[in-house]
């Protein structure tokens, strides 16, 4: 959870538990969307604070391809950190 690993997209060191958020930023994917305005967020706490502060409602927005892509990139980044990029590429 706390050990940094290298992002395959930008080479930045990111802690494992933060990989999904990091990848979502690369993809410009904000899965939390306000149903009352144009506010979008990746972080649940920021989103809930917005809803509370502005008395807005959440909108259920699911983008299955982007969700899959985040999970796939997460798994690839972790595997590359553990076994190396060459091993990852050979497994594809």
PDB file of N, CA and C in Angstrom:
ATOM      1  N   UNK A   1       0.775  -1.198   0.000  1.00  0.00           N
ATOM      2  CA  UNK A   1       0.000   0.000   0.000  1.00  0.00           C
ATOM      3  C   UNK A   1       0.821   1.269   0.000  1.00  0.00           C
ATOM      4  N   UNK A   2       1.878   1.363   0.824  1.00  0.00           N
ATOM      5  CA  UNK A   2       2.622   2.613   0.954  1.00  0.00           C
ATOM      6  C   UNK A   2       3.869   2.696   0.088  1.00  0.00           C
ATOM      7  N   UNK A   3       4.286   1.575  -0.503  1.00  0.00           N
ATOM      8  CA  UNK A   3       5.526   1.626  -1.279  1.00  0.00           C
ATOM      9  C   UNK A   3       5.258   2.242  -2.653  1.00  0.00           C
ATOM     10  N   UNK A   4       6.113   3.160  -3.076  1.00  0.00           N
ATOM     11  CA  UNK A   4       5.909   3.785  -4.384  1.00  0.00           C
ATOM     12  C   UNK A   4       6.335   2.851  -5.515  1.00  0.00           C
ATOM     13  N   UNK A   5       5.569   2.880  -6.595  1.00  0.00           N
ATOM     14  CA  UNK A   5       5.925   2.165  -7.815  1.00  0.00           C
ATOM     15  C   UNK A   5       5.836   3.147  -8.968  1.00  0.00           C
ATOM     16  N   UNK A   6       6.464   2.809 -10.060  1.00  0.00           N
ATOM     17  CA  UNK A   6       6.570   3.730 -11.185  1.00  0.00           C
ATOM     18  C   UNK A   6       5.375   3.595 -12.129  1.00  0.00           C
ATOM     19  N   UNK A   7       4.745   4.716 -12.434  1.00  0.00           N
ATOM     20  CA  UNK A   7       3.647   4.748 -13.403  1.00  0.00           C
ATOM     21  C   UNK A   7       4.216   4.463 -14.788  1.00  0.00           C
ATOM     22  N   UNK A   8       3.580   3.565 -15.525  1.00  0.00           N
ATOM     23  CA  UNK A   8       4.033   3.235 -16.876  1.00  0.00           C
ATOM     24  C   UNK A   8       3.731   4.347 -17.872  1.00  0.00           C
ATOM     25  N   UNK A   9       2.828   5.246 -17.533  1.00  0.00           N
ATOM     26  CA  UNK A   9       2.431   6.310 -18.450  1.00  0.00           C
ATOM     27  C   UNK A   9       3.303   7.558 -18.339  1.00  0.00           C
ATOM     28  N   UNK A  10       3.807   7.849 -17.129  1.00  0.00           N
ATOM     29  CA  UNK A  10       4.558   9.102 -16.948  1.00  0.00           C
ATOM     30  C   UNK A  10       5.854   8.941 -16.152  1.00  0.00           C
ATOM     31  N   UNK A  11       6.131   7.735 -15.678  1.00  0.00           N
ATOM     32  CA  UNK A  11       7.331   7.427 -14.892  1.00  0.00           C
ATOM     33  C   UNK A  11       7.332   8.029 -13.490  1.00  0.00           C
ATOM     34  N   UNK A  12       6.244   8.647 -13.078  1.00  0.00           N
ATOM     35  CA  UNK A  12       6.162   9.211 -11.731  1.00  0.00           C
ATOM     36  C   UNK A  12       6.042   8.080 -10.711  1.00  0.00           C
ATOM     37  N   UNK A  13       6.655   8.255  -9.551  1.00  0.00           N
ATOM     38  CA  UNK A  13       6.522   7.297  -8.453  1.00  0.00           C
ATOM     39  C   UNK A  13       5.202   7.564  -7.735  1.00  0.00           C
ATOM     40  N   UNK A  14       4.374   6.525  -7.636  1.00  0.00           N
ATOM     41  CA  UNK A  14       3.053   6.646  -7.034  1.00  0.00           C
ATOM     42  C   UNK A  14       2.875   5.486  -6.054  1.00  0.00           C
ATOM     43  N   UNK A  15       2.281   5.762  -4.889  1.00  0.00           N
ATOM     44  CA  UNK A  15       2.029   4.667  -3.956  1.00  0.00           C
ATOM     45  C   UNK A  15       0.939   3.768  -4.533  1.00  0.00           C
ATOM     46  N   UNK A  16       1.025   2.485  -4.265  1.00  0.00           N
ATOM     47  CA  UNK A  16       0.115   1.496  -4.852  1.00  0.00           C
ATOM     48  C   UNK A  16      -1.344   1.864  -4.618  1.00  0.00           C
ATOM     49  N   UNK A  17      -1.677   2.285  -3.413  1.00  0.00           N
ATOM     50  CA  UNK A  17      -3.081   2.586  -3.122  1.00  0.00           C
ATOM     51  C   UNK A  17      -3.591   3.818  -3.887  1.00  0.00           C
ATOM     52  N   UNK A  18      -2.680   4.591  -4.482  1.00  0.00           N
ATOM     53  CA  UNK A  18      -3.076   5.772  -5.237  1.00  0.00           C
ATOM     54  C   UNK A  18      -3.044   5.595  -6.748  1.00  0.00           C
ATOM     55  N   UNK A  19      -2.758   4.390  -7.206  1.00  0.00           N
ATOM     56  CA  UNK A  19      -2.637   4.145  -8.653  1.00  0.00           C
ATOM     57  C   UNK A  19      -3.935   4.450  -9.390  1.00  0.00           C
ATOM     58  N   UNK A  20      -5.071   3.985  -8.882  1.00  0.00           N
ATOM     59  CA  UNK A  20      -6.341   4.205  -9.595  1.00  0.00           C
ATOM     60  C   UNK A  20      -6.610   5.696  -9.797  1.00  0.00           C
ATOM     61  N   UNK A  21      -6.449   6.481  -8.762  1.00  0.00           N
ATOM     62  CA  UNK A  21      -6.666   7.921  -8.860  1.00  0.00           C
ATOM     63  C   UNK A  21      -5.683   8.540  -9.854  1.00  0.00           C
ATOM     64  N   UNK A  22      -4.447   8.099  -9.797  1.00  0.00           N
ATOM     65  CA  UNK A  22      -3.419   8.612 -10.702  1.00  0.00           C
ATOM     66  C   UNK A  22      -3.782   8.305 -12.159  1.00  0.00           C
ATOM     67  N   UNK A  23      -4.204   7.087 -12.429  1.00  0.00           N
ATOM     68  CA  UNK A  23      -4.583   6.690 -13.790  1.00  0.00           C
ATOM     69  C   UNK A  23      -5.828   7.456 -14.239  1.00  0.00           C
ATOM     70  N   UNK A  24      -6.790   7.639 -13.336  1.00  0.00           N
ATOM     71  CA  UNK A  24      -7.989   8.407 -13.685  1.00  0.00           C
ATOM     72  C   UNK A  24      -7.625   9.824 -14.126  1.00  0.00           C
ATOM     73  N   UNK A  25      -6.630  10.419 -13.483  1.00  0.00           N
ATOM     74  CA  UNK A  25      -6.188  11.763 -13.875  1.00  0.00           C
ATOM     75  C   UNK A  25      -5.588  11.744 -15.279  1.00  0.00           C
ATOM     76  N   UNK A  26      -4.789  10.718 -15.576  1.00  0.00           N
ATOM     77  CA  UNK A  26      -4.242  10.587 -16.936  1.00  0.00           C
ATOM     78  C   UNK A  26      -5.368  10.515 -17.972  1.00  0.00           C
ATOM     79  N   UNK A  27      -6.396   9.756 -17.651  1.00  0.00           N
ATOM     80  CA  UNK A  27      -7.502   9.537 -18.586  1.00  0.00           C
ATOM     81  C   UNK A  27      -8.514  10.683 -18.578  1.00  0.00           C
ATOM     82  N   UNK A  28      -8.313  11.617 -17.655  1.00  0.00           N
ATOM     83  CA  UNK A  28      -9.292  12.702 -17.455  1.00  0.00           C
ATOM     84  C   UNK A  28     -10.682  12.110 -17.202  1.00  0.00           C
ATOM     85  N   UNK A  29     -10.668  11.068 -16.392  1.00  0.00           N
ATOM     86  CA  UNK A  29     -11.903  10.342 -16.058  1.00  0.00           C
ATOM     87  C   UNK A  29     -12.304  10.701 -14.635  1.00  0.00           C
ATOM     88  N   UNK A  30     -13.433  11.374 -14.518  1.00  0.00           N
ATOM     89  CA  UNK A  30     -13.968  11.792 -13.225  1.00  0.00           C
ATOM     90  C   UNK A  30     -15.276  11.027 -12.997  1.00  0.00           C
ATOM     91  N   UNK A  31     -15.213   9.906 -12.287  1.00  0.00           N
ATOM     92  CA  UNK A  31     -16.392   9.056 -12.151  1.00  0.00           C
ATOM     93  C   UNK A  31     -17.493   9.635 -11.252  1.00  0.00           C
ATOM     94  N   UNK A  32     -17.181  10.664 -10.497  1.00  0.00           N
ATOM     95  CA  UNK A  32     -18.169  11.274  -9.613  1.00  0.00           C
ATOM     96  C   UNK A  32     -18.637  12.582 -10.225  1.00  0.00           C
ATOM     97  N   UNK A  33     -19.903  12.645 -10.589  1.00  0.00           N
ATOM     98  CA  UNK A  33     -20.436  13.818 -11.275  1.00  0.00           C
ATOM     99  C   UNK A  33     -21.656  14.352 -10.532  1.00  0.00           C
ATOM    100  N   UNK A  34     -21.700  15.658 -10.414  1.00  0.00           N
ATOM    101  CA  UNK A  34     -22.820  16.328  -9.758  1.00  0.00           C
ATOM    102  C   UNK A  34     -24.000  16.367 -10.725  1.00  0.00           C
ATOM    103  N   UNK A  35     -25.186  16.072 -10.212  1.00  0.00           N
ATOM    104  CA  UNK A  35     -26.391  16.118 -11.024  1.00  0.00           C
ATOM    105  C   UNK A  35     -27.009  17.500 -11.092  1.00  0.00           C
ATOM    106  N   UNK A  36     -26.456  18.445 -10.343  1.00  0.00           N
ATOM    107  CA  UNK A  36     -27.008  19.800 -10.282  1.00  0.00           C
ATOM    108  C   UNK A  36     -26.143  20.852 -10.970  1.00  0.00           C
ATOM    109  N   UNK A  37     -24.877  20.520 -11.252  1.00  0.00           N
ATOM    110  CA  UNK A  37     -23.976  21.460 -11.922  1.00  0.00           C
ATOM    111  C   UNK A  37     -22.910  20.664 -12.669  1.00  0.00           C
ATOM    112  N   UNK A  38     -21.882  21.327 -13.135  1.00  0.00           N
ATOM    113  CA  UNK A  38     -20.839  20.663 -13.920  1.00  0.00           C
ATOM    114  C   UNK A  38     -19.680  20.121 -13.084  1.00  0.00           C
ATOM    115  N   UNK A  39     -19.793  20.146 -11.758  1.00  0.00           N
ATOM    116  CA  UNK A  39     -18.714  19.676 -10.894  1.00  0.00           C
ATOM    117  C   UNK A  39     -18.462  18.183 -11.119  1.00  0.00           C
ATOM    118  N   UNK A  40     -17.178  17.822 -11.193  1.00  0.00           N
ATOM    119  CA  UNK A  40     -16.756  16.431 -11.327  1.00  0.00           C
ATOM    120  C   UNK A  40     -15.596  16.190 -10.369  1.00  0.00           C
ATOM    121  N   UNK A  41     -15.458  14.960  -9.915  1.00  0.00           N
ATOM    122  CA  UNK A  41     -14.369  14.650  -8.994  1.00  0.00           C
ATOM    123  C   UNK A  41     -13.918  13.210  -9.150  1.00  0.00           C
ATOM    124  N   UNK A  42     -12.695  12.975  -8.731  1.00  0.00           N
ATOM    125  CA  UNK A  42     -12.162  11.620  -8.615  1.00  0.00           C
ATOM    126  C   UNK A  42     -12.246  11.201  -7.157  1.00  0.00           C
ATOM    127  N   UNK A  43     -11.969  12.137  -6.269  1.00  0.00           N
ATOM    128  CA  UNK A  43     -11.921  11.892  -4.833  1.00  0.00           C
ATOM    129  C   UNK A  43     -13.320  11.958  -4.216  1.00  0.00           C
ATOM    130  N   UNK A  44     -13.727  10.890  -3.541  1.00  0.00           N
ATOM    131  CA  UNK A  44     -15.070  10.816  -2.962  1.00  0.00           C
ATOM    132  C   UNK A  44     -15.291  11.878  -1.885  1.00  0.00           C
ATOM    133  N   UNK A  45     -14.287  12.145  -1.073  1.00  0.00           N
ATOM    134  CA  UNK A  45     -14.436  13.146  -0.007  1.00  0.00           C
ATOM    135  C   UNK A  45     -14.667  14.542  -0.598  1.00  0.00           C
ATOM    136  N   UNK A  46     -13.918  14.885  -1.641  1.00  0.00           N
ATOM    137  CA  UNK A  46     -14.123  16.185  -2.301  1.00  0.00           C
ATOM    138  C   UNK A  46     -15.529  16.280  -2.887  1.00  0.00           C
ATOM    139  N   UNK A  47     -15.969  15.185  -3.477  1.00  0.00           N
ATOM    140  CA  UNK A  47     -17.290  15.162  -4.103  1.00  0.00           C
ATOM    141  C   UNK A  47     -18.395  15.325  -3.059  1.00  0.00           C
ATOM    142  N   UNK A  48     -18.297  14.579  -1.980  1.00  0.00           N
ATOM    143  CA  UNK A  48     -19.304  14.666  -0.923  1.00  0.00           C
ATOM    144  C   UNK A  48     -19.315  16.053  -0.283  1.00  0.00           C
ATOM    145  N   UNK A  49     -18.148  16.667  -0.162  1.00  0.00           N
ATOM    146  CA  UNK A  49     -18.074  18.022   0.385  1.00  0.00           C
ATOM    147  C   UNK A  49     -18.789  18.999  -0.532  1.00  0.00           C
ATOM    148  N   UNK A  50     -18.601  18.845  -1.838  1.00  0.00           N
ATOM    149  CA  UNK A  50     -19.296  19.706  -2.806  1.00  0.00           C
ATOM    150  C   UNK A  50     -20.808  19.546  -2.680  1.00  0.00           C
ATOM    151  N   UNK A  51     -21.275  18.302  -2.622  1.00  0.00           N
ATOM    152  CA  UNK A  51     -22.714  18.056  -2.512  1.00  0.00           C
ATOM    153  C   UNK A  51     -23.279  18.692  -1.246  1.00  0.00           C
ATOM    154  N   UNK A  52     -22.545  18.569  -0.148  1.00  0.00           N
ATOM    155  CA  UNK A  52     -22.993  19.125   1.130  1.00  0.00           C
ATOM    156  C   UNK A  52     -22.981  20.655   1.105  1.00  0.00           C
ATOM    157  N   UNK A  53     -21.857  21.232   0.668  1.00  0.00           N
ATOM    158  CA  UNK A  53     -21.703  22.694   0.666  1.00  0.00           C
ATOM    159  C   UNK A  53     -22.739  23.383  -0.216  1.00  0.00           C
ATOM    160  N   UNK A  54     -23.023  22.812  -1.367  1.00  0.00           N
ATOM    161  CA  UNK A  54     -23.898  23.460  -2.339  1.00  0.00           C
ATOM    162  C   UNK A  54     -25.306  22.878  -2.367  1.00  0.00           C
ATOM    163  N   UNK A  55     -25.581  21.899  -1.491  1.00  0.00           N
ATOM    164  CA  UNK A  55     -26.889  21.234  -1.436  1.00  0.00           C
ATOM    165  C   UNK A  55     -27.286  20.698  -2.815  1.00  0.00           C
ATOM    166  N   UNK A  56     -26.333  20.019  -3.445  1.00  0.00           N
ATOM    167  CA  UNK A  56     -26.551  19.442  -4.767  1.00  0.00           C
ATOM    168  C   UNK A  56     -26.785  17.937  -4.659  1.00  0.00           C
ATOM    169  N   UNK A  57     -27.198  17.333  -5.773  1.00  0.00           N
ATOM    170  CA  UNK A  57     -27.500  15.912  -5.835  1.00  0.00           C
ATOM    171  C   UNK A  57     -26.470  15.197  -6.717  1.00  0.00           C
ATOM    172  N   UNK A  58     -26.180  13.969  -6.356  1.00  0.00           N
ATOM    173  CA  UNK A  58     -25.253  13.149  -7.126  1.00  0.00           C
ATOM    174  C   UNK A  58     -25.931  12.601  -8.376  1.00  0.00           C
ATOM    175  N   UNK A  59     -25.174  12.425  -9.430  1.00  0.00           N
ATOM    176  CA  UNK A  59     -25.667  11.794 -10.649  1.00  0.00           C
ATOM    177  C   UNK A  59     -24.921  10.477 -10.839  1.00  0.00           C
ATOM    178  N   UNK A  60     -25.635   9.420 -11.092  1.00  0.00           N
ATOM    179  CA  UNK A  60     -25.015   8.119 -11.316  1.00  0.00           C
ATOM    180  C   UNK A  60     -24.514   8.056 -12.754  1.00  0.00           C
ATOM    181  N   UNK A  61     -23.197   8.079 -12.901  1.00  0.00           N
ATOM    182  CA  UNK A  61     -22.593   8.024 -14.229  1.00  0.00           C
ATOM    183  C   UNK A  61     -21.565   6.904 -14.220  1.00  0.00           C
ATOM    184  N   UNK A  62     -21.765   5.938 -15.079  1.00  0.00           N
ATOM    185  CA  UNK A  62     -20.827   4.826 -15.171  1.00  0.00           C
ATOM    186  C   UNK A  62     -20.309   4.768 -16.607  1.00  0.00           C
ATOM    187  N   UNK A  63     -19.009   4.728 -16.740  1.00  0.00           N
ATOM    188  CA  UNK A  63     -18.387   4.581 -18.046  1.00  0.00           C
ATOM    189  C   UNK A  63     -17.609   3.262 -18.016  1.00  0.00           C
ATOM    190  N   UNK A  64     -18.269   2.169 -18.414  1.00  0.00           N
ATOM    191  CA  UNK A  64     -17.673   0.838 -18.259  1.00  0.00           C
ATOM    192  C   UNK A  64     -16.297   0.680 -18.896  1.00  0.00           C
ATOM    193  N   UNK A  65     -16.083   1.270 -20.077  1.00  0.00           N
ATOM    194  CA  UNK A  65     -14.781   1.115 -20.716  1.00  0.00           C
ATOM    195  C   UNK A  65     -13.683   1.787 -19.898  1.00  0.00           C
ATOM    196  N   UNK A  66     -13.947   2.989 -19.405  1.00  0.00           N
ATOM    197  CA  UNK A  66     -12.938   3.684 -18.605  1.00  0.00           C
ATOM    198  C   UNK A  66     -12.704   2.972 -17.280  1.00  0.00           C
ATOM    199  N   UNK A  67     -13.748   2.409 -16.690  1.00  0.00           N
ATOM    200  CA  UNK A  67     -13.576   1.634 -15.453  1.00  0.00           C
ATOM    201  C   UNK A  67     -12.671   0.430 -15.718  1.00  0.00           C
ATOM    202  N   UNK A  68     -12.911  -0.261 -16.819  1.00  0.00           N
ATOM    203  CA  UNK A  68     -12.088  -1.410 -17.198  1.00  0.00           C
ATOM    204  C   UNK A  68     -10.648  -0.972 -17.453  1.00  0.00           C
ATOM    205  N   UNK A  69     -10.484   0.137 -18.149  1.00  0.00           N
ATOM    206  CA  UNK A  69      -9.159   0.644 -18.476  1.00  0.00           C
ATOM    207  C   UNK A  69      -8.377   1.004 -17.211  1.00  0.00           C
ATOM    208  N   UNK A  70      -9.030   1.633 -16.244  1.00  0.00           N
ATOM    209  CA  UNK A  70      -8.370   1.964 -14.971  1.00  0.00           C
ATOM    210  C   UNK A  70      -7.911   0.686 -14.275  1.00  0.00           C
ATOM    211  N   UNK A  71      -8.798  -0.325 -14.206  1.00  0.00           N
ATOM    212  CA  UNK A  71      -8.427  -1.598 -13.558  1.00  0.00           C
ATOM    213  C   UNK A  71      -7.282  -2.288 -14.289  1.00  0.00           C
ATOM    214  N   UNK A  72      -7.320  -2.280 -15.627  1.00  0.00           N
ATOM    215  CA  UNK A  72      -6.281  -2.933 -16.419  1.00  0.00           C
ATOM    216  C   UNK A  72      -4.937  -2.235 -16.248  1.00  0.00           C
ATOM    217  N   UNK A  73      -4.931  -0.912 -16.328  1.00  0.00           N
ATOM    218  CA  UNK A  73      -3.684  -0.174 -16.133  1.00  0.00           C
ATOM    219  C   UNK A  73      -3.151  -0.353 -14.720  1.00  0.00           C
ATOM    220  N   UNK A  74      -4.043  -0.369 -13.738  1.00  0.00           N
ATOM    221  CA  UNK A  74      -3.623  -0.624 -12.349  1.00  0.00           C
ATOM    222  C   UNK A  74      -2.881  -1.954 -12.272  1.00  0.00           C
ATOM    223  N   UNK A  75      -3.502  -2.995 -12.805  1.00  0.00           N
ATOM    224  CA  UNK A  75      -2.895  -4.331 -12.751  1.00  0.00           C
ATOM    225  C   UNK A  75      -1.560  -4.362 -13.498  1.00  0.00           C
ATOM    226  N   UNK A  76      -1.497  -3.718 -14.667  1.00  0.00           N
ATOM    227  CA  UNK A  76      -0.258  -3.695 -15.447  1.00  0.00           C
ATOM    228  C   UNK A  76       0.853  -2.958 -14.719  1.00  0.00           C
ATOM    229  N   UNK A  77       0.543  -1.837 -14.099  1.00  0.00           N
ATOM    230  CA  UNK A  77       1.549  -1.050 -13.377  1.00  0.00           C
ATOM    231  C   UNK A  77       2.100  -1.849 -12.200  1.00  0.00           C
ATOM    232  N   UNK A  78       1.212  -2.509 -11.471  1.00  0.00           N
ATOM    233  CA  UNK A  78       1.652  -3.327 -10.333  1.00  0.00           C
ATOM    234  C   UNK A  78       2.499  -4.500 -10.814  1.00  0.00           C
ATOM    235  N   UNK A  79       2.060  -5.164 -11.892  1.00  0.00           N
ATOM    236  CA  UNK A  79       2.819  -6.300 -12.421  1.00  0.00           C
ATOM    237  C   UNK A  79       4.183  -5.856 -12.934  1.00  0.00           C
ATOM    238  N   UNK A  80       4.253  -4.730 -13.628  1.00  0.00           N
ATOM    239  CA  UNK A  80       5.533  -4.222 -14.128  1.00  0.00           C
ATOM    240  C   UNK A  80       6.471  -3.888 -12.970  1.00  0.00           C
ATOM    241  N   UNK A  81       5.926  -3.334 -11.901  1.00  0.00           N
ATOM    242  CA  UNK A  81       6.755  -3.010 -10.737  1.00  0.00           C
ATOM    243  C   UNK A  81       7.296  -4.282 -10.083  1.00  0.00           C
ATOM    244  N   UNK A  82       6.493  -5.314 -10.089  1.00  0.00           N
ATOM    245  CA  UNK A  82       6.866  -6.560  -9.414  1.00  0.00           C
ATOM    246  C   UNK A  82       7.816  -7.411 -10.261  1.00  0.00           C
ATOM    247  N   UNK A  83       7.526  -7.519 -11.577  1.00  0.00           N
ATOM    248  CA  UNK A  83       8.255  -8.469 -12.423  1.00  0.00           C
ATOM    249  C   UNK A  83       9.041  -7.824 -13.566  1.00  0.00           C
ATOM    250  N   UNK A  84       8.840  -6.536 -13.804  1.00  0.00           N
ATOM    251  CA  UNK A  84       9.519  -5.857 -14.896  1.00  0.00           C
ATOM    252  C   UNK A  84       8.616  -5.682 -16.104  1.00  0.00           C
ATOM    253  N   UNK A  85       8.889  -4.654 -16.877  1.00  0.00           N
ATOM    254  CA  UNK A  85       8.070  -4.337 -18.046  1.00  0.00           C
ATOM    255  C   UNK A  85       8.158  -5.430 -19.104  1.00  0.00           C
ATOM    256  N   UNK A  86       9.349  -5.980 -19.309  1.00  0.00           N
ATOM    257  CA  UNK A  86       9.512  -7.034 -20.326  1.00  0.00           C
ATOM    258  C   UNK A  86       8.634  -8.248 -20.013  1.00  0.00           C
ATOM    259  N   UNK A  87       8.582  -8.645 -18.758  1.00  0.00           N
ATOM    260  CA  UNK A  87       7.721  -9.761 -18.353  1.00  0.00           C
ATOM    261  C   UNK A  87       6.269  -9.421 -18.576  1.00  0.00           C
ATOM    262  N   UNK A  88       5.877  -8.182 -18.235  1.00  0.00           N
ATOM    263  CA  UNK A  88       4.509  -7.745 -18.471  1.00  0.00           C
ATOM    264  C   UNK A  88       4.172  -7.850 -19.957  1.00  0.00           C
ATOM    265  N   UNK A  89       5.036  -7.338 -20.808  1.00  0.00           N
ATOM    266  CA  UNK A  89       4.761  -7.335 -22.245  1.00  0.00           C
ATOM    267  C   UNK A  89       4.714  -8.750 -22.823  1.00  0.00           C
ATOM    268  N   UNK A  90       5.547  -9.634 -22.322  1.00  0.00           N
ATOM    269  CA  UNK A  90       5.510 -11.028 -22.796  1.00  0.00           C
ATOM    270  C   UNK A  90       4.213 -11.717 -22.406  1.00  0.00           C
ATOM    271  N   UNK A  91       3.595 -11.266 -21.320  1.00  0.00           N
ATOM    272  CA  UNK A  91       2.351 -11.904 -20.862  1.00  0.00           C
ATOM    273  C   UNK A  91       1.128 -11.412 -21.624  1.00  0.00           C
ATOM    274  N   UNK A  92       1.287 -10.403 -22.445  1.00  0.00           N
ATOM    275  CA  UNK A  92       0.167  -9.815 -23.183  1.00  0.00           C
ATOM    276  C   UNK A  92      -0.051 -10.504 -24.503  1.00  0.00           C
TER     277      UNK A  92
END
